[in-house]
Amino acid sequence: MKKHYSTLLFVSFFQVFGLWSQEVQIFKVEDFDLRGKVKSCLVITDYGRELFEFNEDGILTKTVTQYNDQDQDITDYKYENGELVEKRMESYKNNVLDESTSMANFYTIDTVPTRKVVEKIISYDKQFLEREEYQYDESGKLVRIISSNVDGVDETTFEYTPYKNELTISTFTNGILEKAVRTSEKKTTKGTQKVVLTKEYVDGEPNTAVEEVFHPDGNLFTREEFLYDLGEKEFVSQKKLFHHYKDGVLDKVTTKTLNTESVDEFIFQFDSHTPKNWVKQIVTPDNTYTTRVIKYYPEDSKEETNR
């Protein structure tokens, strides 16, 4: 199976930004490993294309996922006063709009006494899909999501537990633990590393875990995946990935399991823009590639375009 390490893949993007997201998010240029006044970024891989468009404030306004010549998804985002107020996802199959899978998300924001966001999701064929109510505390932290659809009502709650230099955010669905994310800091001779441990639960029982360690500059250092052993009653490491960099740019990823070790090396080409962005990524030995065609807003009076 091919391994894709690109920081900008349309599959992972829609997993994060999908229909049943846990929080209303506004994505910006920097969330896609891009720098500068980017107008659009077309990502081309050997398995599809994804176009991202941004306004001059660097906020995502449109995505186009091209699966083949006949099938694509187009998503548009509308904002008012810095808030997301509408999202429309249109799905085309055989170049025809599929109203049953196309949908509109409408958001209303209330800040009294504390912040509350209500999201209504309706299909293009006028079917009600879901209502989400996001409730926040006085400090602005998300504490509760109430989801309503034809199957009933679910409540997701978030518990924040600080301890010394750690913060654990636990997610409960109808009172049953679903996920726990612990973020902590680790002092090193090169600065402070961030460590993020994410544990996933099934019916309240531990199932999988991932630990990520980040360099002080924010680059991912290691990622270790675990599976819970019911007999030993502990998480057991399945594999660990080591990320190596040269001048801040990813150079190779070493993957180690109990019995194997493999290395993927990365080759990047950058554009001439200031600040520069990478426009081609090749991963060996599989020779998978990702190409990015980036267009920029004018920095001064002349628009810079990478082709």
Protein backbone atom coordinates (compact mmCIF):
# COMPACT_ATOMS: atom_id res chain seq x y z
CA MET A 1 0.00 0.00 0.00
CA LYS A 2 1.29 3.44 -0.88
CA LYS A 3 2.02 5.85 1.92
CA HIS A 4 1.11 9.53 1.44
CA TYR A 5 2.82 12.00 3.75
CA SER A 6 1.73 15.22 2.05
CA THR A 7 0.43 17.84 4.45
CA LEU A 8 -2.21 18.76 1.90
CA LEU A 9 -4.33 15.79 0.85
CA PHE A 10 -7.98 16.12 -0.06
CA VAL A 11 -8.90 12.85 1.65
CA SER A 12 -7.60 13.89 5.06
CA PHE A 13 -8.98 17.41 4.57
CA PHE A 14 -12.56 16.23 4.24
CA GLN A 15 -12.18 13.88 7.19
CA VAL A 16 -11.35 16.95 9.28
CA PHE A 17 -13.83 19.30 7.65
CA GLY A 18 -16.64 16.80 7.08
CA LEU A 19 -20.33 16.97 7.80
CA TRP A 20 -20.23 15.83 11.42
CA SER A 21 -17.27 17.93 12.60
CA GLN A 22 -16.89 18.48 16.33
CA GLU A 23 -16.52 22.25 16.13
CA VAL A 24 -17.19 25.01 13.65
CA GLN A 25 -13.77 25.93 12.26
CA ILE A 26 -12.48 28.61 9.92
CA PHE A 27 -9.47 27.41 7.93
CA LYS A 28 -6.67 29.72 6.83
CA VAL A 29 -3.73 29.62 4.43
CA GLU A 30 -1.29 28.44 7.09
CA ASP A 31 -3.46 25.39 7.86
CA PHE A 32 -2.48 24.03 4.43
CA ASP A 33 1.29 24.41 4.74
CA LEU A 34 1.18 27.60 2.67
CA ARG A 35 2.82 30.98 3.22
CA GLY A 36 2.20 34.45 1.92
CA LYS A 37 -0.80 35.99 0.15
CA VAL A 38 -2.00 32.81 -1.53
CA LYS A 39 -5.02 33.22 -3.82
CA SER A 40 -5.42 29.57 -4.80
CA CYS A 41 -3.61 26.25 -4.55
CA LEU A 42 -4.29 23.35 -6.89
CA VAL A 43 -3.02 20.06 -5.45
CA ILE A 44 -2.35 17.33 -8.01
CA THR A 45 -1.56 13.76 -6.96
CA ASP A 46 -1.61 10.41 -8.73
CA TYR A 47 -5.09 9.75 -7.32
CA GLY A 48 -6.98 13.05 -7.62
CA ARG A 49 -7.01 16.84 -7.57
CA GLU A 50 -8.05 19.38 -4.97
CA LEU A 51 -8.37 23.13 -5.48
CA PHE A 52 -8.32 25.53 -2.52
CA GLU A 53 -9.23 29.22 -2.88
CA PHE A 54 -8.64 31.94 -0.29
CA ASN A 55 -9.66 35.57 0.15
CA GLU A 56 -7.12 38.35 0.69
CA ASP A 57 -7.31 37.80 4.45
CA GLY A 58 -6.04 34.25 3.93
CA ILE A 59 -9.36 32.56 4.79
CA LEU A 60 -10.59 29.51 2.86
CA THR A 61 -13.54 30.40 0.59
CA LYS A 62 -13.86 27.44 -1.78
CA THR A 63 -12.69 23.88 -2.40
CA VAL A 64 -13.13 21.73 -5.50
CA THR A 65 -12.45 18.00 -5.21
CA GLN A 66 -12.02 16.46 -8.66
CA TYR A 67 -12.32 12.66 -8.57
CA ASN A 68 -12.43 12.18 -12.35
CA ASP A 69 -13.73 13.97 -15.46
CA GLN A 70 -17.37 13.47 -14.46
CA ASP A 71 -17.40 13.48 -10.63
CA GLN A 72 -16.55 16.37 -8.34
CA ASP A 73 -17.53 18.11 -5.10
CA ILE A 74 -17.60 21.90 -4.83
CA THR A 75 -17.79 23.58 -1.42
CA ASP A 76 -18.30 27.32 -0.92
CA TYR A 77 -17.94 29.22 2.37
CA LYS A 78 -19.63 32.52 3.25
CA TYR A 79 -18.55 34.76 6.13
CA GLU A 80 -19.94 37.79 7.93
CA ASN A 81 -17.96 39.81 10.48
CA GLY A 82 -15.33 37.10 10.66
CA GLU A 83 -17.85 34.33 11.35
CA LEU A 84 -18.76 31.39 9.11
CA VAL A 85 -22.48 31.79 8.33
CA GLU A 86 -23.03 29.44 5.39
CA LYS A 87 -21.37 26.43 3.77
CA ARG A 88 -22.68 24.77 0.62
CA MET A 89 -21.39 21.45 -0.69
CA GLU A 90 -22.53 20.51 -4.19
CA SER A 91 -21.85 17.00 -5.41
CA TYR A 92 -21.75 16.31 -9.15
CA LYS A 93 -21.98 12.79 -10.57
CA ASN A 94 -21.64 12.33 -14.33
CA ASN A 95 -21.56 16.16 -14.48
CA VAL A 96 -25.07 16.37 -13.00
CA LEU A 97 -25.86 17.91 -9.60
CA ASP A 98 -26.92 15.21 -7.12
CA GLU A 99 -29.45 16.98 -4.89
CA SER A 100 -29.72 14.10 -2.45
CA THR A 101 -26.03 14.28 -1.49
CA SER A 102 -25.60 18.04 -1.91
CA MET A 103 -26.24 20.07 1.22
CA ALA A 104 -26.27 23.50 2.79
CA ASN A 105 -25.05 24.32 6.31
CA PHE A 106 -26.44 27.51 7.91
CA TYR A 107 -24.94 29.00 11.08
CA THR A 108 -26.40 31.46 13.57
CA ILE A 109 -24.28 32.93 16.34
CA ASP A 110 -25.45 34.21 19.72
CA THR A 111 -23.06 35.61 22.34
CA VAL A 112 -25.45 36.31 25.23
CA PRO A 113 -24.93 35.25 27.96
CA THR A 114 -22.18 33.03 26.51
CA ARG A 115 -21.31 32.06 22.96
CA LYS A 116 -23.64 29.63 21.20
CA VAL A 117 -23.58 28.53 17.55
CA VAL A 118 -26.49 26.73 15.91
CA GLU A 119 -25.82 24.80 12.69
CA LYS A 120 -28.67 23.54 10.49
CA ILE A 121 -27.88 21.06 7.72
CA ILE A 122 -30.36 20.65 4.86
CA SER A 123 -29.98 18.67 1.64
CA TYR A 124 -30.64 20.26 -1.75
CA ASP A 125 -33.74 18.09 -2.12
CA LYS A 126 -35.12 19.85 1.00
CA GLN A 127 -34.48 17.02 3.46
CA PHE A 128 -33.56 17.98 7.03
CA LEU A 129 -30.33 16.20 7.95
CA GLU A 130 -29.12 17.53 11.29
CA ARG A 131 -29.14 20.36 13.78
CA GLU A 132 -26.04 21.03 15.85
CA GLU A 133 -25.93 23.38 18.82
CA TYR A 134 -22.42 24.30 19.99
CA GLN A 135 -22.25 25.72 23.52
CA TYR A 136 -19.22 27.52 24.97
CA ASP A 137 -18.26 28.58 28.49
CA GLU A 138 -17.32 32.07 29.72
CA SER A 139 -13.70 31.61 28.59
CA GLY A 140 -14.72 30.61 25.05
CA LYS A 141 -14.05 26.87 25.34
CA LEU A 142 -16.45 24.47 23.64
CA VAL A 143 -18.21 22.49 26.39
CA ARG A 144 -21.24 20.86 24.77
CA ILE A 145 -22.69 19.87 21.38
CA ILE A 146 -26.34 18.85 21.11
CA SER A 147 -27.03 16.95 17.86
CA SER A 148 -30.57 16.37 16.59
CA ASN A 149 -31.59 14.31 13.56
CA VAL A 150 -34.26 11.81 12.51
CA ASP A 151 -32.64 9.17 14.74
CA GLY A 152 -32.94 11.26 17.90
CA VAL A 153 -30.80 13.52 20.06
CA ASP A 154 -27.17 13.01 21.11
CA GLU A 155 -25.14 15.08 23.54
CA THR A 156 -21.37 15.45 23.31
CA THR A 157 -19.61 17.06 26.27
CA PHE A 158 -16.01 18.19 26.68
CA GLU A 159 -14.14 18.07 29.97
CA TYR A 160 -10.94 20.13 30.42
CA THR A 161 -8.49 18.88 33.06
CA PRO A 162 -5.29 20.90 33.62
CA TYR A 163 -2.43 19.36 35.60
CA LYS A 164 0.93 21.13 35.97
CA ASN A 165 2.17 21.57 32.38
CA GLU A 166 -0.53 19.33 30.89
CA LEU A 167 -4.07 19.77 29.62
CA THR A 168 -6.37 16.82 28.95
CA ILE A 169 -9.54 17.30 26.90
CA SER A 170 -11.94 14.37 27.28
CA THR A 171 -14.87 13.88 24.89
CA PHE A 172 -18.00 12.09 26.07
CA THR A 173 -20.93 11.04 23.85
CA ASN A 174 -24.11 10.61 25.89
CA GLY A 175 -21.93 10.21 28.96
CA ILE A 176 -19.61 7.56 27.50
CA LEU A 177 -15.92 8.37 27.06
CA GLU A 178 -15.01 8.53 23.38
CA LYS A 179 -11.66 10.30 23.21
CA ALA A 180 -9.02 11.85 25.48
CA VAL A 181 -6.35 14.23 24.18
CA ARG A 182 -3.51 15.15 26.53
CA THR A 183 -1.21 17.98 25.48
CA SER A 184 1.94 18.52 27.51
CA GLU A 185 5.34 20.19 27.31
CA LYS A 186 8.73 18.56 27.59
CA LYS A 187 11.90 20.54 28.23
CA THR A 188 14.95 19.67 26.09
CA THR A 189 18.35 21.24 25.47
CA LYS A 190 16.99 22.64 22.17
CA GLY A 191 13.83 24.12 23.66
CA THR A 192 10.36 23.00 24.66
CA GLN A 193 8.76 20.10 22.81
CA LYS A 194 5.00 19.63 22.60
CA VAL A 195 3.67 16.13 23.21
CA VAL A 196 0.12 15.21 22.15
CA LEU A 197 -1.29 11.85 23.27
CA THR A 198 -4.67 10.92 21.77
CA LYS A 199 -6.56 7.91 23.12
CA GLU A 200 -9.64 6.57 21.32
CA TYR A 201 -12.31 4.53 23.10
CA VAL A 202 -15.07 2.18 21.90
CA ASP A 203 -18.10 1.94 24.21
CA GLY A 204 -15.96 3.56 26.88
CA GLU A 205 -13.19 0.96 26.60
CA PRO A 206 -9.66 1.88 25.39
CA ASN A 207 -8.98 0.91 21.80
CA THR A 208 -6.17 2.83 20.05
CA ALA A 209 -3.75 5.63 20.84
CA VAL A 210 -1.37 7.93 18.99
CA GLU A 211 1.46 9.95 20.54
CA GLU A 212 2.96 12.83 18.56
CA VAL A 213 6.04 14.78 19.61
CA PHE A 214 6.75 18.17 18.03
CA HIS A 215 10.06 20.05 17.82
CA PRO A 216 10.20 23.53 19.39
CA ASP A 217 9.85 24.94 15.85
CA GLY A 218 6.53 23.13 15.45
CA ASN A 219 7.71 20.36 13.10
CA LEU A 220 6.53 16.83 13.86
CA PHE A 221 9.38 14.77 15.36
CA THR A 222 7.86 11.35 16.12
CA ARG A 223 4.48 9.67 15.76
CA GLU A 224 3.84 6.41 17.58
CA GLU A 225 0.70 4.27 17.12
CA PHE A 226 -0.62 1.95 19.83
CA LEU A 227 -3.27 -0.76 20.11
CA TYR A 228 -4.84 -1.68 23.43
CA ASP A 229 -4.03 -5.20 24.62
CA LEU A 230 -7.02 -6.56 26.53
CA GLY A 231 -4.96 -9.33 28.12
CA GLU A 232 -2.14 -7.10 29.34
CA LYS A 233 -4.54 -4.19 29.96
CA GLU A 234 -2.17 -1.67 28.40
CA PHE A 235 -1.44 0.09 25.12
CA VAL A 236 1.15 -1.74 23.01
CA SER A 237 3.20 0.05 20.36
CA GLN A 238 2.48 -1.03 16.77
CA LYS A 239 4.82 1.28 14.89
CA LYS A 240 6.78 4.49 15.33
CA LEU A 241 7.64 7.08 12.69
CA PHE A 242 10.70 9.33 12.99
CA HIS A 243 10.68 12.54 10.95
CA HIS A 244 14.03 14.00 9.89
CA TYR A 245 14.52 17.53 8.56
CA LYS A 246 17.16 19.56 6.72
CA ASP A 247 16.98 23.33 7.10
CA GLY A 248 13.44 22.95 8.42
CA VAL A 249 12.27 20.90 5.42
CA LEU A 250 11.20 17.27 5.75
CA ASP A 251 14.00 15.04 4.45
CA LYS A 252 12.97 11.48 5.36
CA VAL A 253 10.62 9.42 7.53
CA THR A 254 11.86 6.24 9.20
CA THR A 255 9.13 3.76 10.18
CA LYS A 256 9.94 1.12 12.77
CA THR A 257 7.82 -1.81 13.93
CA LEU A 258 8.77 -4.72 16.15
CA ASN A 259 10.27 -6.63 13.22
CA THR A 260 10.69 -4.15 10.34
CA GLU A 261 12.23 -0.83 9.44
CA SER A 262 11.67 1.24 6.31
CA VAL A 263 12.71 4.68 5.10
CA ASP A 264 10.84 7.10 2.83
CA GLU A 265 12.87 9.98 1.44
CA PHE A 266 11.42 13.30 0.31
CA ILE A 267 12.42 15.59 -2.53
CA PHE A 268 10.92 19.08 -2.71
CA GLN A 269 10.96 21.80 -5.33
CA PHE A 270 10.11 25.37 -4.29
CA ASP A 271 8.77 28.37 -6.18
CA SER A 272 10.47 31.77 -6.43
CA HIS A 273 7.87 33.59 -4.37
CA THR A 274 8.76 35.35 -1.11
CA PRO A 275 7.99 33.65 1.21
CA LYS A 276 8.53 30.49 -0.83
CA ASN A 277 6.22 27.48 -1.01
CA TRP A 278 6.93 23.98 -2.25
CA VAL A 279 5.39 23.11 -5.61
CA LYS A 280 6.48 19.49 -6.05
CA GLN A 281 6.99 16.67 -3.58
CA ILE A 282 8.36 13.26 -4.54
CA VAL A 283 8.50 10.38 -2.06
CA THR A 284 10.89 7.51 -2.74
CA PRO A 285 11.17 4.55 -3.06
CA ASP A 286 7.48 4.43 -4.09
CA ASN A 287 7.97 7.50 -6.32
CA THR A 288 4.60 8.96 -5.33
CA TYR A 289 4.25 12.61 -6.20
CA THR A 290 2.29 15.70 -5.21
CA THR A 291 2.33 18.86 -7.32
CA ARG A 292 0.96 22.23 -6.19
CA VAL A 293 0.06 25.03 -8.61
CA ILE A 294 -0.05 28.18 -6.49
CA LYS A 295 -1.38 31.62 -7.42
CA TYR A 296 -0.84 34.70 -5.30
CA TYR A 297 -2.55 38.00 -4.64
CA PRO A 298 -0.44 41.06 -5.56
CA GLU A 299 2.20 41.74 -2.94
CA ASP A 300 2.53 45.31 -4.17
CA SER A 301 1.26 46.28 -7.59
CA LYS A 302 2.19 43.17 -9.53
CA GLU A 303 0.55 39.79 -9.02
CA GLU A 304 2.93 36.90 -8.61
CA THR A 305 1.83 33.59 -10.10
CA ASN A 306 3.51 30.21 -9.93
CA ARG A 307 2.83 27.96 -12.91
